[in-house]
Structure formats: structure tokens, C-alpha cells
Amino acid sequence: MIKRNVFVMIPVVAFACCALFVAGRTRAASDLTPKQARRLIASMAGIQLPSDAVRIREISTFGNSAVVVAQVETAFRLVKGDQDKWRVAEIRTGDRRWEDVELLIKALDVEKTERARAELQSIATALESYHRERGSYVESKSESVLVDHLSPRYLTQVVRVDPWHQPYLYEGTRTGFILRSAGPDGKPNTPDDIMFTNGTH
């Protein structure tokens, strides 16, 4: 099979990031400057872009998070494969190296998985505090009902969706619970699910 390559210089616009990802965990979003945002975006997921390849258009802060709209200029290598379909195969970084897009997506999924674990852990900790005070867990099959019971007394930060923008899943009885993110594939009950359980269901 013959594969054809094409190189494209593309400005990537409307690049939005939340502060947990862009600003890290050590600074409040209100401290985020255009220079910091530019540097963090330029080094995202291990890609090292020159700082002048990232143009910050707007920073909006919301408590401990921020949305950064930026224009990112880089090069993509597209490959034509089966059934004459083009796909993005590689992205060129600031040091002129080509990086495999699938590997970058996997690296992003690793970061998102860590964030999902941390968020589920905070919900599980809140559930345990609820259980200690009330003698049972929240009885529901709805994550929104769960958060309504936990916030703000047990859970100060409301968390409803996972890093892949899917709702967290909850099943709770008086004696136990299952907390779950469907993970990168967005499908529950598959091997990439991220799950916390306790007690008997």
C-alpha cells in the first residue's frame, strides 16, 4: 500500500484550557499572566514550541480555573492511507522534531486519568465524611444527586464531569458505593474505566 504525506502549516485557534492543566497546582488562576499561559501552552504534553508560536488572545478567570484562548502555529504531517482517507499522523515541535500524534494523545490521556483519579478521590473522601456523620452513604444512582448531598459541607468544589467531558457515574446504597469515570473511550464498564468502591453494594 502506498502512503502519501502532505505537510500543512496550520494556526490552531480557540485553544481553551482550564487552570488545573494550564496553570498547574501552585498558583491561583488570578495570578495567571499571558507570559505564563504562553509558556505553559508551548510546553503542553511534552511538546516544546517556540514562545512566538503561541499568541494569547484572551484570559478569563473563574475562581481557581481559567480559560485561555490562544492561537498556536505549528506544522502537521498528514498521511493518506486505507480507502484514500487522510489522517493527521505527526506534529512538528519547536525543535523541528516530528512527534507521533497518537503518542501525544496517549500522553494527554495519562494526564487526564491522573486528574480523574484525584477528583474521584476527593468525592470518595467526602462520601466517607458523610458516612461517618450520618451512618450511611448517599443512596442514589445519580452523580448529580450525590453532589447535591455532599456540597458544600463535605465537598467544597463541585465536580460533575470527568476530564473527557463525560459525567462521573455513581451508584450508592446505605452500605457502599461505586464511583466511576468511563475513561478515555467514554464507555462505562470497559478496561479503561477509573473506579473507586467501598462497602457492600
Protein backbone atom coordinates (compact mmCIF):
# COMPACT_ATOMS: atom_id res chain seq x y z
CA MET A 1 0.00 0.00 0.00
CA ILE A 2 1.34 3.43 -0.90
CA LYS A 3 1.00 6.15 1.68
CA ARG A 4 1.31 9.77 0.68
CA ASN A 5 2.37 12.55 3.01
CA VAL A 6 1.39 16.18 3.00
CA PHE A 7 2.74 18.93 5.24
CA VAL A 8 0.41 21.63 6.46
CA MET A 9 1.19 24.78 8.44
CA ILE A 10 -1.93 25.40 10.46
CA PRO A 11 -2.70 28.09 13.01
CA VAL A 12 -4.72 26.34 15.71
CA VAL A 13 -7.19 28.85 17.12
CA ALA A 14 -9.61 28.91 20.04
CA PHE A 15 -7.35 26.82 22.20
CA ALA A 16 -9.09 26.64 25.57
CA CYS A 17 -7.50 25.25 28.73
CA CYS A 18 -8.56 25.01 32.33
CA ALA A 19 -6.23 26.24 35.05
CA LEU A 20 -5.58 22.81 36.55
CA PHE A 21 -3.99 21.92 33.24
CA VAL A 22 -2.52 25.25 32.18
CA ALA A 23 -1.65 26.97 35.41
CA GLY A 24 -0.65 23.93 37.42
CA ARG A 25 -1.50 23.48 41.07
CA THR A 26 0.80 26.04 42.64
CA ARG A 27 -0.74 29.34 41.50
CA ALA A 28 -4.24 30.78 41.59
CA ALA A 29 -5.85 31.48 38.24
CA SER A 30 -5.95 35.21 39.08
CA ASP A 31 -2.12 35.15 39.04
CA LEU A 32 -2.01 33.70 35.52
CA THR A 33 -0.29 36.14 33.16
CA PRO A 34 -0.20 35.97 29.35
CA LYS A 35 3.53 35.16 29.54
CA GLN A 36 2.90 32.21 31.89
CA ALA A 37 -0.01 30.95 29.79
CA ARG A 38 2.11 31.20 26.62
CA ARG A 39 4.97 29.25 28.23
CA LEU A 40 2.69 26.54 29.64
CA ILE A 41 0.82 26.04 26.38
CA ALA A 42 4.12 25.96 24.44
CA SER A 43 5.30 23.05 26.60
CA MET A 44 1.97 21.18 26.77
CA ALA A 45 2.13 17.37 26.77
CA GLY A 46 5.88 17.39 26.25
CA ILE A 47 5.76 19.47 23.05
CA GLN A 48 8.30 22.28 23.06
CA LEU A 49 7.11 25.08 20.79
CA PRO A 50 8.89 28.42 20.45
CA SER A 51 7.10 31.01 22.56
CA ASP A 52 6.45 33.19 19.50
CA ALA A 53 4.42 30.31 18.01
CA VAL A 54 1.80 30.86 20.74
CA ARG A 55 -0.26 34.06 20.75
CA ILE A 56 -2.53 34.63 23.73
CA ARG A 57 -5.79 36.28 22.72
CA GLU A 58 -7.76 36.25 25.95
CA ILE A 59 -7.61 35.00 29.54
CA SER A 60 -10.82 34.65 31.55
CA THR A 61 -10.59 33.59 35.20
CA PHE A 62 -13.25 31.82 37.24
CA GLY A 63 -12.12 31.28 40.83
CA ASN A 64 -9.43 28.61 40.70
CA SER A 65 -9.69 27.99 36.95
CA ALA A 66 -9.07 29.93 33.77
CA VAL A 67 -9.95 29.69 30.10
CA VAL A 68 -7.14 30.77 27.78
CA VAL A 69 -7.92 31.48 24.13
CA ALA A 70 -4.73 31.24 22.12
CA GLN A 71 -3.52 30.90 18.56
CA VAL A 72 -0.90 28.18 18.17
CA GLU A 73 1.09 27.85 14.97
CA THR A 74 2.80 24.57 14.11
CA ALA A 75 3.08 22.01 11.31
CA PHE A 76 1.16 18.78 10.88
CA ARG A 77 2.06 15.80 8.70
CA LEU A 78 -0.99 14.17 7.14
CA VAL A 79 -0.91 10.64 5.74
CA LYS A 80 -3.27 9.16 3.17
CA GLY A 81 -3.92 5.52 3.95
CA ASP A 82 -6.71 3.00 3.61
CA GLN A 83 -9.70 3.97 1.45
CA ASP A 84 -7.97 7.22 0.46
CA LYS A 85 -8.69 8.76 3.87
CA TRP A 86 -6.35 11.41 5.22
CA ARG A 87 -5.37 11.43 8.87
CA VAL A 88 -3.07 13.57 10.99
CA ALA A 89 -0.03 11.41 11.73
CA GLU A 90 2.55 13.76 13.26
CA ILE A 91 3.01 17.25 14.64
CA ARG A 92 6.24 19.23 14.41
CA THR A 93 7.54 20.67 17.65
CA GLY A 94 9.61 23.75 18.26
CA ASP A 95 12.90 21.91 17.95
CA ARG A 96 11.77 20.79 14.47
CA ARG A 97 11.24 17.16 15.52
CA TRP A 98 8.15 15.30 14.38
CA GLU A 99 6.05 13.76 17.16
CA ASP A 100 3.52 10.97 16.69
CA VAL A 101 0.01 12.36 17.30
CA GLU A 102 -1.29 9.08 18.76
CA LEU A 103 1.53 9.11 21.33
CA LEU A 104 0.67 12.70 22.27
CA ILE A 105 -2.99 11.77 22.69
CA LYS A 106 -1.95 8.88 24.94
CA ALA A 107 0.22 11.26 26.98
CA LEU A 108 -2.75 13.62 27.38
CA ASP A 109 -4.95 10.70 28.42
CA VAL A 110 -2.41 9.77 31.10
CA GLU A 111 -2.61 13.31 32.50
CA LYS A 112 -6.41 13.26 32.33
CA THR A 113 -6.50 9.87 34.05
CA GLU A 114 -4.44 11.27 36.94
CA ARG A 115 -6.81 14.22 37.22
CA ALA A 116 -9.87 11.93 37.17
CA ARG A 117 -8.36 9.79 39.94
CA ALA A 118 -7.73 12.89 42.05
CA GLU A 119 -11.28 14.16 41.53
CA LEU A 120 -12.83 10.76 42.30
CA GLN A 121 -10.65 10.52 45.40
CA SER A 122 -11.95 13.89 46.64
CA ILE A 123 -15.56 12.74 46.09
CA ALA A 124 -14.84 9.41 47.84
CA THR A 125 -13.29 11.26 50.79
CA ALA A 126 -16.39 13.46 51.00
CA LEU A 127 -18.58 10.33 50.93
CA GLU A 128 -16.65 8.85 53.83
CA SER A 129 -17.13 12.05 55.85
CA TYR A 130 -20.85 11.93 55.03
CA HIS A 131 -20.95 8.27 56.12
CA ARG A 132 -19.18 8.97 59.43
CA GLU A 133 -21.69 11.68 60.34
CA ARG A 134 -24.88 10.06 59.04
CA GLY A 135 -24.19 6.34 59.31
CA SER A 136 -24.85 5.60 55.63
CA TYR A 137 -23.76 6.58 52.15
CA VAL A 138 -25.87 8.61 49.72
CA GLU A 139 -28.48 6.28 48.22
CA SER A 140 -28.74 7.16 44.54
CA LYS A 141 -27.87 6.12 41.01
CA SER A 142 -27.26 9.74 40.02
CA GLU A 143 -24.00 11.65 40.37
CA SER A 144 -25.87 14.96 40.40
CA VAL A 145 -27.95 13.83 43.40
CA LEU A 146 -24.73 12.72 45.09
CA VAL A 147 -23.05 16.10 44.62
CA ASP A 148 -26.20 17.89 45.83
CA HIS A 149 -25.96 15.89 49.09
CA LEU A 150 -22.22 16.45 49.53
CA SER A 151 -21.85 20.10 48.52
CA PRO A 152 -20.82 22.35 50.17
CA ARG A 153 -20.50 20.72 53.62
CA TYR A 154 -18.44 17.70 52.56
CA LEU A 155 -17.31 18.70 49.07
CA THR A 156 -16.16 22.29 48.64
CA GLN A 157 -15.53 22.08 44.89
CA VAL A 158 -18.40 20.81 42.75
CA VAL A 159 -17.17 18.17 40.29
CA ARG A 160 -19.74 16.80 37.83
CA VAL A 161 -17.85 15.82 34.66
CA ASP A 162 -14.58 13.99 34.08
CA PRO A 163 -11.61 15.33 32.06
CA TRP A 164 -13.13 13.81 28.87
CA HIS A 165 -16.29 15.90 29.45
CA GLN A 166 -18.43 12.90 30.40
CA PRO A 167 -20.46 12.86 33.64
CA TYR A 168 -19.00 10.92 36.53
CA LEU A 169 -21.11 7.87 37.40
CA TYR A 170 -22.32 6.96 40.88
CA GLU A 171 -24.21 4.06 42.39
CA GLY A 172 -24.75 4.19 46.12
CA THR A 173 -26.58 2.20 48.77
CA ARG A 174 -26.67 2.69 52.53
CA THR A 175 -23.68 0.37 52.92
CA GLY A 176 -21.46 1.05 49.91
CA PHE A 177 -20.81 2.93 46.70
CA ILE A 178 -19.23 2.76 43.26
CA LEU A 179 -17.75 5.93 41.75
CA ARG A 180 -16.64 5.72 38.13
CA SER A 181 -15.26 7.66 35.18
CA ALA A 182 -15.78 5.96 31.83
CA GLY A 183 -12.20 6.91 30.95
CA PRO A 184 -10.71 7.84 27.56
CA ASP A 185 -13.11 5.74 25.49
CA GLY A 186 -16.19 7.31 27.11
CA LYS A 187 -17.83 3.89 27.55
CA PRO A 188 -18.62 2.56 31.04
CA ASN A 189 -17.68 -0.97 32.09
CA THR A 190 -14.63 -1.18 29.82
CA PRO A 191 -10.99 -1.80 30.85
CA ASP A 192 -10.03 1.90 30.86
CA ASP A 193 -12.65 2.85 33.48
CA ILE A 194 -11.36 4.63 36.59
CA MET A 195 -13.25 3.39 39.63
CA PHE A 196 -13.46 3.80 43.41
CA THR A 197 -15.59 1.44 45.53
CA ASN A 198 -16.29 0.93 49.20
CA GLY A 199 -18.51 -1.21 51.37
CA THR A 200 -21.11 -3.63 50.05
CA HIS A 201 -23.42 -2.85 47.16
